[in-house]
PDB file of all heavy atoms in Angstrom:
ATOM      1  N   PRO A   1     -37.138   9.329 -67.087  1.00  0.00           N
ATOM      2  CA  PRO A   1     -36.791   7.894 -67.229  1.00  0.00           C
ATOM      3  C   PRO A   1     -35.284   7.703 -67.036  1.00  0.00           C
ATOM      4  O   PRO A   1     -34.502   8.611 -67.318  1.00  0.00           O
ATOM      5  CB  PRO A   1     -37.190   7.551 -68.675  1.00  0.00           C
ATOM      6  CG  PRO A   1     -37.302   8.878 -69.412  1.00  0.00           C
ATOM      7  CD  PRO A   1     -37.601   9.910 -68.347  1.00  0.00           C
ATOM      8  N   ALA A   2     -34.927   6.572 -66.490  1.00  0.00           N
ATOM      9  CA  ALA A   2     -33.502   6.266 -66.281  1.00  0.00           C
ATOM     10  C   ALA A   2     -32.766   6.248 -67.603  1.00  0.00           C
ATOM     11  O   ALA A   2     -33.256   5.752 -68.610  1.00  0.00           O
ATOM     12  CB  ALA A   2     -33.346   4.886 -65.591  1.00  0.00           C
ATOM     13  N   ILE A   3     -31.645   6.890 -67.629  1.00  0.00           N
ATOM     14  CA  ILE A   3     -30.785   6.919 -68.777  1.00  0.00           C
ATOM     15  C   ILE A   3     -30.065   5.614 -68.899  1.00  0.00           C
ATOM     16  O   ILE A   3     -29.438   5.149 -67.955  1.00  0.00           O
ATOM     17  CB  ILE A   3     -29.857   8.115 -68.765  1.00  0.00           C
ATOM     18  CG1 ILE A   3     -30.661   9.410 -68.702  1.00  0.00           C
ATOM     19  CG2 ILE A   3     -28.889   8.116 -69.976  1.00  0.00           C
ATOM     20  CD1 ILE A   3     -29.845  10.625 -68.466  1.00  0.00           C
ATOM     21  N   ASN A   4     -30.148   4.999 -70.054  1.00  0.00           N
ATOM     22  CA  ASN A   4     -29.364   3.761 -70.281  1.00  0.00           C
ATOM     23  C   ASN A   4     -27.909   4.045 -70.210  1.00  0.00           C
ATOM     24  O   ASN A   4     -27.430   5.045 -70.744  1.00  0.00           O
ATOM     25  CB  ASN A   4     -29.718   3.125 -71.648  1.00  0.00           C
ATOM     26  CG  ASN A   4     -31.096   2.622 -71.701  1.00  0.00           C
ATOM     27  OD1 ASN A   4     -31.686   2.257 -70.642  1.00  0.00           O
ATOM     28  ND2 ASN A   4     -31.670   2.578 -72.877  1.00  0.00           N
ATOM     29  N   PRO A   5     -27.157   3.230 -69.495  1.00  0.00           N
ATOM     30  CA  PRO A   5     -25.702   3.499 -69.433  1.00  0.00           C
ATOM     31  C   PRO A   5     -25.099   3.431 -70.832  1.00  0.00           C
ATOM     32  O   PRO A   5     -25.529   2.613 -71.678  1.00  0.00           O
ATOM     33  CB  PRO A   5     -25.188   2.367 -68.556  1.00  0.00           C
ATOM     34  CG  PRO A   5     -26.239   1.347 -68.600  1.00  0.00           C
ATOM     35  CD  PRO A   5     -27.537   2.016 -68.859  1.00  0.00           C
ATOM     36  N   VAL A   6     -24.138   4.288 -71.088  1.00  0.00           N
ATOM     37  CA  VAL A   6     -23.453   4.290 -72.343  1.00  0.00           C
ATOM     38  C   VAL A   6     -22.467   3.125 -72.386  1.00  0.00           C
ATOM     39  O   VAL A   6     -21.665   2.938 -71.473  1.00  0.00           O
ATOM     40  CB  VAL A   6     -22.696   5.603 -72.538  1.00  0.00           C
ATOM     41  CG1 VAL A   6     -21.880   5.603 -73.833  1.00  0.00           C
ATOM     42  CG2 VAL A   6     -23.672   6.784 -72.539  1.00  0.00           C
ATOM     43  N   LEU A   7     -22.570   2.299 -73.434  1.00  0.00           N
ATOM     44  CA  LEU A   7     -21.619   1.242 -73.556  1.00  0.00           C
ATOM     45  C   LEU A   7     -20.327   1.795 -74.126  1.00  0.00           C
ATOM     46  O   LEU A   7     -20.309   2.485 -75.125  1.00  0.00           O
ATOM     47  CB  LEU A   7     -22.154   0.152 -74.552  1.00  0.00           C
ATOM     48  CG  LEU A   7     -23.391  -0.601 -74.037  1.00  0.00           C
ATOM     49  CD1 LEU A   7     -23.853  -1.543 -75.154  1.00  0.00           C
ATOM     50  CD2 LEU A   7     -23.002  -1.412 -72.790  1.00  0.00           C
ATOM     51  N   ARG A   8     -19.229   1.486 -73.425  1.00  0.00           N
ATOM     52  CA  ARG A   8     -17.902   1.945 -73.841  1.00  0.00           C
ATOM     53  C   ARG A   8     -17.266   0.815 -74.642  1.00  0.00           C
ATOM     54  O   ARG A   8     -17.327  -0.311 -74.235  1.00  0.00           O
ATOM     55  CB  ARG A   8     -17.078   2.377 -72.741  1.00  0.00           C
ATOM     56  CG  ARG A   8     -17.545   3.636 -71.995  1.00  0.00           C
ATOM     57  CD  ARG A   8     -16.581   4.047 -70.888  1.00  0.00           C
ATOM     58  NE  ARG A   8     -16.321   2.924 -69.972  1.00  0.00           N
ATOM     59  CZ  ARG A   8     -15.228   2.752 -69.272  1.00  0.00           C
ATOM     60  NH1 ARG A   8     -14.210   3.612 -69.410  1.00  0.00           N
ATOM     61  NH2 ARG A   8     -15.076   1.746 -68.416  1.00  0.00           N
ATOM     62  N   PRO A   9     -16.665   1.104 -75.749  1.00  0.00           N
ATOM     63  CA  PRO A   9     -15.898   0.053 -76.416  1.00  0.00           C
ATOM     64  C   PRO A   9     -14.725  -0.404 -75.552  1.00  0.00           C
ATOM     65  O   PRO A   9     -14.296   0.309 -74.633  1.00  0.00           O
ATOM     66  CB  PRO A   9     -15.371   0.757 -77.672  1.00  0.00           C
ATOM     67  CG  PRO A   9     -15.412   2.182 -77.448  1.00  0.00           C
ATOM     68  CD  PRO A   9     -16.525   2.382 -76.412  1.00  0.00           C
ATOM     69  N   ARG A  10     -14.241  -1.615 -75.807  1.00  0.00           N
ATOM     70  CA  ARG A  10     -13.189  -2.134 -74.986  1.00  0.00           C
ATOM     71  C   ARG A  10     -11.977  -2.535 -75.874  1.00  0.00           C
ATOM     72  O   ARG A  10     -12.172  -3.013 -76.982  1.00  0.00           O
ATOM     73  CB  ARG A  10     -13.624  -3.317 -74.128  1.00  0.00           C
ATOM     74  CG  ARG A  10     -13.959  -4.589 -74.764  1.00  0.00           C
ATOM     75  CD  ARG A  10     -14.572  -5.585 -73.807  1.00  0.00           C
ATOM     76  NE  ARG A  10     -14.733  -6.929 -74.260  1.00  0.00           N
ATOM     77  CZ  ARG A  10     -15.403  -7.372 -75.266  1.00  0.00           C
ATOM     78  NH1 ARG A  10     -16.052  -6.545 -76.062  1.00  0.00           N
ATOM     79  NH2 ARG A  10     -15.507  -8.652 -75.563  1.00  0.00           N
ATOM     80  N   ILE A  11     -10.811  -2.262 -75.317  1.00  0.00           N
ATOM     81  CA  ILE A  11      -9.592  -2.681 -76.019  1.00  0.00           C
ATOM     82  C   ILE A  11      -9.307  -4.100 -75.557  1.00  0.00           C
ATOM     83  O   ILE A  11      -9.253  -4.380 -74.410  1.00  0.00           O
ATOM     84  CB  ILE A  11      -8.404  -1.762 -75.605  1.00  0.00           C
ATOM     85  CG1 ILE A  11      -8.685  -0.337 -76.090  1.00  0.00           C
ATOM     86  CG2 ILE A  11      -7.120  -2.335 -76.198  1.00  0.00           C
ATOM     87  CD1 ILE A  11      -7.620   0.677 -75.597  1.00  0.00           C
ATOM     88  N   VAL A  12      -9.175  -5.012 -76.567  1.00  0.00           N
ATOM     89  CA  VAL A  12      -8.883  -6.403 -76.278  1.00  0.00           C
ATOM     90  C   VAL A  12      -7.517  -6.715 -76.924  1.00  0.00           C
ATOM     91  O   VAL A  12      -7.395  -6.600 -78.117  1.00  0.00           O
ATOM     92  CB  VAL A  12      -9.980  -7.319 -76.825  1.00  0.00           C
ATOM     93  CG1 VAL A  12      -9.620  -8.802 -76.635  1.00  0.00           C
ATOM     94  CG2 VAL A  12     -11.337  -6.941 -76.147  1.00  0.00           C
ATOM     95  N   LEU A  13      -6.581  -7.137 -76.075  1.00  0.00           N
ATOM     96  CA  LEU A  13      -5.251  -7.488 -76.617  1.00  0.00           C
ATOM     97  C   LEU A  13      -5.336  -8.685 -77.548  1.00  0.00           C
ATOM     98  O   LEU A  13      -6.083  -9.669 -77.207  1.00  0.00           O
ATOM     99  CB  LEU A  13      -4.272  -7.774 -75.480  1.00  0.00           C
ATOM    100  CG  LEU A  13      -3.963  -6.576 -74.643  1.00  0.00           C
ATOM    101  CD1 LEU A  13      -3.146  -6.964 -73.382  1.00  0.00           C
ATOM    102  CD2 LEU A  13      -3.284  -5.525 -75.392  1.00  0.00           C
ATOM    103  N   ALA A  14      -4.705  -8.607 -78.701  1.00  0.00           N
ATOM    104  CA  ALA A  14      -4.791  -9.711 -79.697  1.00  0.00           C
ATOM    105  C   ALA A  14      -3.411 -10.435 -79.881  1.00  0.00           C
ATOM    106  O   ALA A  14      -3.415 -11.561 -80.330  1.00  0.00           O
ATOM    107  CB  ALA A  14      -5.232  -9.168 -81.066  1.00  0.00           C
ATOM    108  N   GLY A  15      -2.340  -9.805 -79.553  1.00  0.00           N
ATOM    109  CA  GLY A  15      -1.045 -10.419 -79.738  1.00  0.00           C
ATOM    110  C   GLY A  15       0.108  -9.535 -79.260  1.00  0.00           C
ATOM    111  O   GLY A  15       0.003  -8.335 -79.250  1.00  0.00           O
ATOM    112  N   ILE A  16       1.153 -10.173 -78.787  1.00  0.00           N
ATOM    113  CA  ILE A  16       2.362  -9.505 -78.329  1.00  0.00           C
ATOM    114  C   ILE A  16       3.552 -10.213 -78.860  1.00  0.00           C
ATOM    115  O   ILE A  16       3.633 -11.484 -78.699  1.00  0.00           O
ATOM    116  CB  ILE A  16       2.443  -9.411 -76.777  1.00  0.00           C
ATOM    117  CG1 ILE A  16       1.230  -8.688 -76.224  1.00  0.00           C
ATOM    118  CG2 ILE A  16       3.721  -8.814 -76.314  1.00  0.00           C
ATOM    119  CD1 ILE A  16       1.124  -8.730 -74.732  1.00  0.00           C
ATOM    120  N   THR A  17       4.407  -9.535 -79.556  1.00  0.00           N
ATOM    121  CA  THR A  17       5.659 -10.156 -80.065  1.00  0.00           C
ATOM    122  C   THR A  17       6.828  -9.383 -79.653  1.00  0.00           C
ATOM    123  O   THR A  17       6.794  -8.153 -79.370  1.00  0.00           O
ATOM    124  CB  THR A  17       5.601 -10.262 -81.613  1.00  0.00           C
ATOM    125  OG1 THR A  17       5.488  -8.925 -82.185  1.00  0.00           O
ATOM    126  CG2 THR A  17       4.434 -11.083 -82.102  1.00  0.00           C
ATOM    127  N   ALA A  18       8.015 -10.076 -79.534  1.00  0.00           N
ATOM    128  CA  ALA A  18       9.261  -9.459 -79.195  1.00  0.00           C
ATOM    129  C   ALA A  18      10.132  -9.409 -80.461  1.00  0.00           C
ATOM    130  O   ALA A  18       9.927 -10.163 -81.420  1.00  0.00           O
ATOM    131  CB  ALA A  18       9.931 -10.234 -78.135  1.00  0.00           C
ATOM    132  N   ASP A  19      11.115  -8.481 -80.438  1.00  0.00           N
ATOM    133  CA  ASP A  19      12.041  -8.396 -81.568  1.00  0.00           C
ATOM    134  C   ASP A  19      12.813  -9.709 -81.684  1.00  0.00           C
ATOM    135  O   ASP A  19      12.818 -10.562 -80.775  1.00  0.00           O
ATOM    136  CB  ASP A  19      13.007  -7.255 -81.333  1.00  0.00           C
ATOM    137  CG  ASP A  19      13.854  -7.411 -80.062  1.00  0.00           C
ATOM    138  OD1 ASP A  19      13.365  -6.978 -79.016  1.00  0.00           O
ATOM    139  OD2 ASP A  19      14.890  -8.024 -80.155  1.00  0.00           O
ATOM    140  N   ALA A  20      13.359  -9.955 -82.860  1.00  0.00           N
ATOM    141  CA  ALA A  20      13.941 -11.270 -83.178  1.00  0.00           C
ATOM    142  C   ALA A  20      14.997 -11.677 -82.173  1.00  0.00           C
ATOM    143  O   ALA A  20      15.139 -12.873 -81.869  1.00  0.00           O
ATOM    144  CB  ALA A  20      14.527 -11.216 -84.579  1.00  0.00           C
ATOM    145  N   VAL A  21      15.852 -10.777 -81.677  1.00  0.00           N
ATOM    146  CA  VAL A  21      16.922 -11.083 -80.793  1.00  0.00           C
ATOM    147  C   VAL A  21      16.398 -11.630 -79.472  1.00  0.00           C
ATOM    148  O   VAL A  21      16.978 -12.461 -78.816  1.00  0.00           O
ATOM    149  CB  VAL A  21      17.862  -9.865 -80.598  1.00  0.00           C
ATOM    150  CG1 VAL A  21      18.863 -10.083 -79.488  1.00  0.00           C
ATOM    151  CG2 VAL A  21      18.434  -9.434 -81.890  1.00  0.00           C
ATOM    152  N   HIS A  22      15.229 -11.089 -78.988  1.00  0.00           N
ATOM    153  CA  HIS A  22      14.651 -11.412 -77.701  1.00  0.00           C
ATOM    154  C   HIS A  22      13.506 -12.318 -77.691  1.00  0.00           C
ATOM    155  O   HIS A  22      12.875 -12.595 -76.650  1.00  0.00           O
ATOM    156  CB  HIS A  22      14.381 -10.116 -76.881  1.00  0.00           C
ATOM    157  CG  HIS A  22      15.584  -9.293 -76.707  1.00  0.00           C
ATOM    158  ND1 HIS A  22      15.933  -8.252 -77.554  1.00  0.00           N
ATOM    159  CD2 HIS A  22      16.563  -9.277 -75.738  1.00  0.00           C
ATOM    160  CE1 HIS A  22      17.023  -7.633 -77.140  1.00  0.00           C
ATOM    161  NE2 HIS A  22      17.439  -8.282 -76.055  1.00  0.00           N
ATOM    162  N   ALA A  23      13.047 -12.769 -78.919  1.00  0.00           N
ATOM    163  CA  ALA A  23      11.782 -13.499 -79.038  1.00  0.00           C
ATOM    164  C   ALA A  23      11.745 -14.760 -78.138  1.00  0.00           C
ATOM    165  O   ALA A  23      10.701 -15.085 -77.552  1.00  0.00           O
ATOM    166  CB  ALA A  23      11.503 -13.825 -80.474  1.00  0.00           C
ATOM    167  N   ASP A  24      12.862 -15.460 -78.054  1.00  0.00           N
ATOM    168  CA  ASP A  24      12.862 -16.733 -77.292  1.00  0.00           C
ATOM    169  C   ASP A  24      12.843 -16.466 -75.762  1.00  0.00           C
ATOM    170  O   ASP A  24      12.672 -17.412 -74.988  1.00  0.00           O
ATOM    171  CB  ASP A  24      14.060 -17.594 -77.684  1.00  0.00           C
ATOM    172  CG  ASP A  24      15.362 -16.957 -77.410  1.00  0.00           C
ATOM    173  OD1 ASP A  24      15.450 -15.700 -77.313  1.00  0.00           O
ATOM    174  OD2 ASP A  24      16.411 -17.702 -77.287  1.00  0.00           O
ATOM    175  N   GLN A  25      13.003 -15.259 -75.337  1.00  0.00           N
ATOM    176  CA  GLN A  25      12.945 -14.921 -73.899  1.00  0.00           C
ATOM    177  C   GLN A  25      11.636 -14.315 -73.419  1.00  0.00           C
ATOM    178  O   GLN A  25      11.462 -14.008 -72.284  1.00  0.00           O
ATOM    179  CB  GLN A  25      14.085 -13.928 -73.540  1.00  0.00           C
ATOM    180  CG  GLN A  25      15.465 -14.543 -73.861  1.00  0.00           C
ATOM    181  CD  GLN A  25      16.565 -13.485 -73.879  1.00  0.00           C
ATOM    182  OE1 GLN A  25      16.303 -12.285 -73.537  1.00  0.00           O
ATOM    183  NE2 GLN A  25      17.717 -13.847 -74.308  1.00  0.00           N
ATOM    184  N   LEU A  26      10.675 -14.160 -74.326  1.00  0.00           N
ATOM    185  CA  LEU A  26       9.412 -13.604 -74.036  1.00  0.00           C
ATOM    186  C   LEU A  26       8.544 -14.620 -73.345  1.00  0.00           C
ATOM    187  O   LEU A  26       8.366 -15.723 -73.776  1.00  0.00           O
ATOM    188  CB  LEU A  26       8.679 -13.143 -75.320  1.00  0.00           C
ATOM    189  CG  LEU A  26       7.342 -12.499 -75.165  1.00  0.00           C
ATOM    190  CD1 LEU A  26       7.426 -11.203 -74.426  1.00  0.00           C
ATOM    191  CD2 LEU A  26       6.702 -12.284 -76.535  1.00  0.00           C
ATOM    192  N   VAL A  27       7.966 -14.274 -72.163  1.00  0.00           N
ATOM    193  CA  VAL A  27       7.084 -15.170 -71.408  1.00  0.00           C
ATOM    194  C   VAL A  27       5.715 -14.433 -71.252  1.00  0.00           C
ATOM    195  O   VAL A  27       5.681 -13.332 -70.727  1.00  0.00           O
ATOM    196  CB  VAL A  27       7.645 -15.445 -69.998  1.00  0.00           C
ATOM    197  CG1 VAL A  27       6.694 -16.322 -69.207  1.00  0.00           C
ATOM    198  CG2 VAL A  27       9.016 -16.112 -70.085  1.00  0.00           C
ATOM    199  N   LEU A  28       4.695 -15.068 -71.715  1.00  0.00           N
ATOM    200  CA  LEU A  28       3.338 -14.537 -71.644  1.00  0.00           C
ATOM    201  C   LEU A  28       2.471 -15.366 -70.717  1.00  0.00           C
ATOM    202  O   LEU A  28       2.478 -16.608 -70.820  1.00  0.00           O
ATOM    203  CB  LEU A  28       2.675 -14.516 -73.003  1.00  0.00           C
ATOM    204  CG  LEU A  28       3.355 -13.704 -74.115  1.00  0.00           C
ATOM    205  CD1 LEU A  28       2.630 -13.885 -75.411  1.00  0.00           C
ATOM    206  CD2 LEU A  28       3.431 -12.221 -73.705  1.00  0.00           C
ATOM    207  N   LYS A  29       1.804 -14.727 -69.779  1.00  0.00           N
ATOM    208  CA  LYS A  29       0.812 -15.375 -68.945  1.00  0.00           C
ATOM    209  C   LYS A  29      -0.476 -14.747 -69.346  1.00  0.00           C
ATOM    210  O   LYS A  29      -0.883 -13.733 -68.792  1.00  0.00           O
ATOM    211  CB  LYS A  29       1.055 -15.242 -67.452  1.00  0.00           C
ATOM    212  CG  LYS A  29       2.271 -15.974 -66.956  1.00  0.00           C
ATOM    213  CD  LYS A  29       2.430 -15.756 -65.460  1.00  0.00           C
ATOM    214  CE  LYS A  29       3.658 -16.496 -64.998  1.00  0.00           C
ATOM    215  NZ  LYS A  29       3.893 -16.277 -63.580  1.00  0.00           N
ATOM    216  N   GLY A  30      -1.111 -15.257 -70.403  1.00  0.00           N
ATOM    217  CA  GLY A  30      -2.232 -14.583 -71.019  1.00  0.00           C
ATOM    218  C   GLY A  30      -1.584 -13.458 -71.785  1.00  0.00           C
ATOM    219  O   GLY A  30      -0.355 -13.432 -72.074  1.00  0.00           O
ATOM    220  N   LEU A  31      -2.341 -12.457 -72.159  1.00  0.00           N
ATOM    221  CA  LEU A  31      -1.842 -11.280 -72.855  1.00  0.00           C
ATOM    222  C   LEU A  31      -1.670 -10.094 -71.939  1.00  0.00           C
ATOM    223  O   LEU A  31      -1.228  -9.069 -72.380  1.00  0.00           O
ATOM    224  CB  LEU A  31      -2.648 -10.985 -74.100  1.00  0.00           C
ATOM    225  CG  LEU A  31      -2.632 -11.997 -75.182  1.00  0.00           C
ATOM    226  CD1 LEU A  31      -3.602 -11.632 -76.297  1.00  0.00           C
ATOM    227  CD2 LEU A  31      -1.211 -12.154 -75.752  1.00  0.00           C
ATOM    228  N   ASN A  32      -2.109 -10.186 -70.691  1.00  0.00           N
ATOM    229  CA  ASN A  32      -2.039  -9.074 -69.795  1.00  0.00           C
ATOM    230  C   ASN A  32      -0.887  -9.102 -68.840  1.00  0.00           C
ATOM    231  O   ASN A  32      -0.691  -8.205 -68.041  1.00  0.00           O
ATOM    232  CB  ASN A  32      -3.350  -8.990 -68.993  1.00  0.00           C
ATOM    233  CG  ASN A  32      -4.539  -8.768 -69.881  1.00  0.00           C
ATOM    234  OD1 ASN A  32      -5.126  -9.805 -70.330  1.00  0.00           O
ATOM    235  ND2 ASN A  32      -4.894  -7.594 -70.125  1.00  0.00           N
ATOM    236  N   ASP A  33      -0.073 -10.160 -68.910  1.00  0.00           N
ATOM    237  CA  ASP A  33       1.038 -10.381 -67.991  1.00  0.00           C
ATOM    238  C   ASP A  33       2.223 -10.895 -68.845  1.00  0.00           C
ATOM    239  O   ASP A  33       2.250 -11.967 -69.299  1.00  0.00           O
ATOM    240  CB  ASP A  33       0.665 -11.397 -66.911  1.00  0.00           C
ATOM    241  CG  ASP A  33       1.755 -11.568 -65.835  1.00  0.00           C
ATOM    242  OD1 ASP A  33       2.947 -11.619 -66.175  1.00  0.00           O
ATOM    243  OD2 ASP A  33       1.369 -11.617 -64.661  1.00  0.00           O
ATOM    244  N   VAL A  34       3.190  -9.924 -68.972  1.00  0.00           N
ATOM    245  CA  VAL A  34       4.323 -10.181 -69.914  1.00  0.00           C
ATOM    246  C   VAL A  34       5.648 -10.082 -69.096  1.00  0.00           C
ATOM    247  O   VAL A  34       5.825  -9.203 -68.326  1.00  0.00           O
ATOM    248  CB  VAL A  34       4.352  -9.150 -71.049  1.00  0.00           C
ATOM    249  CG1 VAL A  34       5.513  -9.382 -71.917  1.00  0.00           C
ATOM    250  CG2 VAL A  34       3.020  -9.137 -71.798  1.00  0.00           C
ATOM    251  N   THR A  35       6.579 -10.996 -69.390  1.00  0.00           N
ATOM    252  CA  THR A  35       7.935 -10.950 -68.862  1.00  0.00           C
ATOM    253  C   THR A  35       8.874 -10.978 -70.039  1.00  0.00           C
ATOM    254  O   THR A  35       8.742 -11.837 -70.936  1.00  0.00           O
ATOM    255  CB  THR A  35       8.224 -12.109 -67.873  1.00  0.00           C
ATOM    256  OG1 THR A  35       7.252 -12.078 -66.813  1.00  0.00           O
ATOM    257  CG2 THR A  35       9.626 -11.991 -67.284  1.00  0.00           C
ATOM    258  N   CYS A  36       9.840 -10.103 -70.028  1.00  0.00           N
ATOM    259  CA  CYS A  36      10.853 -10.036 -71.104  1.00  0.00           C
ATOM    260  C   CYS A  36      12.132  -9.495 -70.468  1.00  0.00           C
ATOM    261  O   CYS A  36      12.138  -8.964 -69.422  1.00  0.00           O
ATOM    262  CB  CYS A  36      10.318  -9.223 -72.294  1.00  0.00           C
ATOM    263  SG  CYS A  36      10.047  -7.466 -71.915  1.00  0.00           S
ATOM    264  N   SER A  37      13.187  -9.675 -71.293  1.00  0.00           N
ATOM    265  CA  SER A  37      14.482  -9.214 -70.766  1.00  0.00           C
ATOM    266  C   SER A  37      14.719  -7.760 -71.251  1.00  0.00           C
ATOM    267  O   SER A  37      14.174  -7.275 -72.208  1.00  0.00           O
ATOM    268  CB  SER A  37      15.623 -10.104 -71.291  1.00  0.00           C
ATOM    269  OG  SER A  37      15.633 -10.179 -72.679  1.00  0.00           O
ATOM    270  N   ALA A  38      15.615  -7.064 -70.465  1.00  0.00           N
ATOM    271  CA  ALA A  38      15.934  -5.706 -70.786  1.00  0.00           C
ATOM    272  C   ALA A  38      16.540  -5.669 -72.160  1.00  0.00           C
ATOM    273  O   ALA A  38      17.283  -6.568 -72.586  1.00  0.00           O
ATOM    274  CB  ALA A  38      16.963  -5.223 -69.720  1.00  0.00           C
TER     275      ALA A  38
END
């Protein structure tokens, strides 16, 4: 019989924060696309 594919758990991003000095320069396009300063 065909083996049922194994379900793999998935990592789902829940939040991204920047340190206090750079927090106002953080740009998020969703949680998978981040722009921040050096």
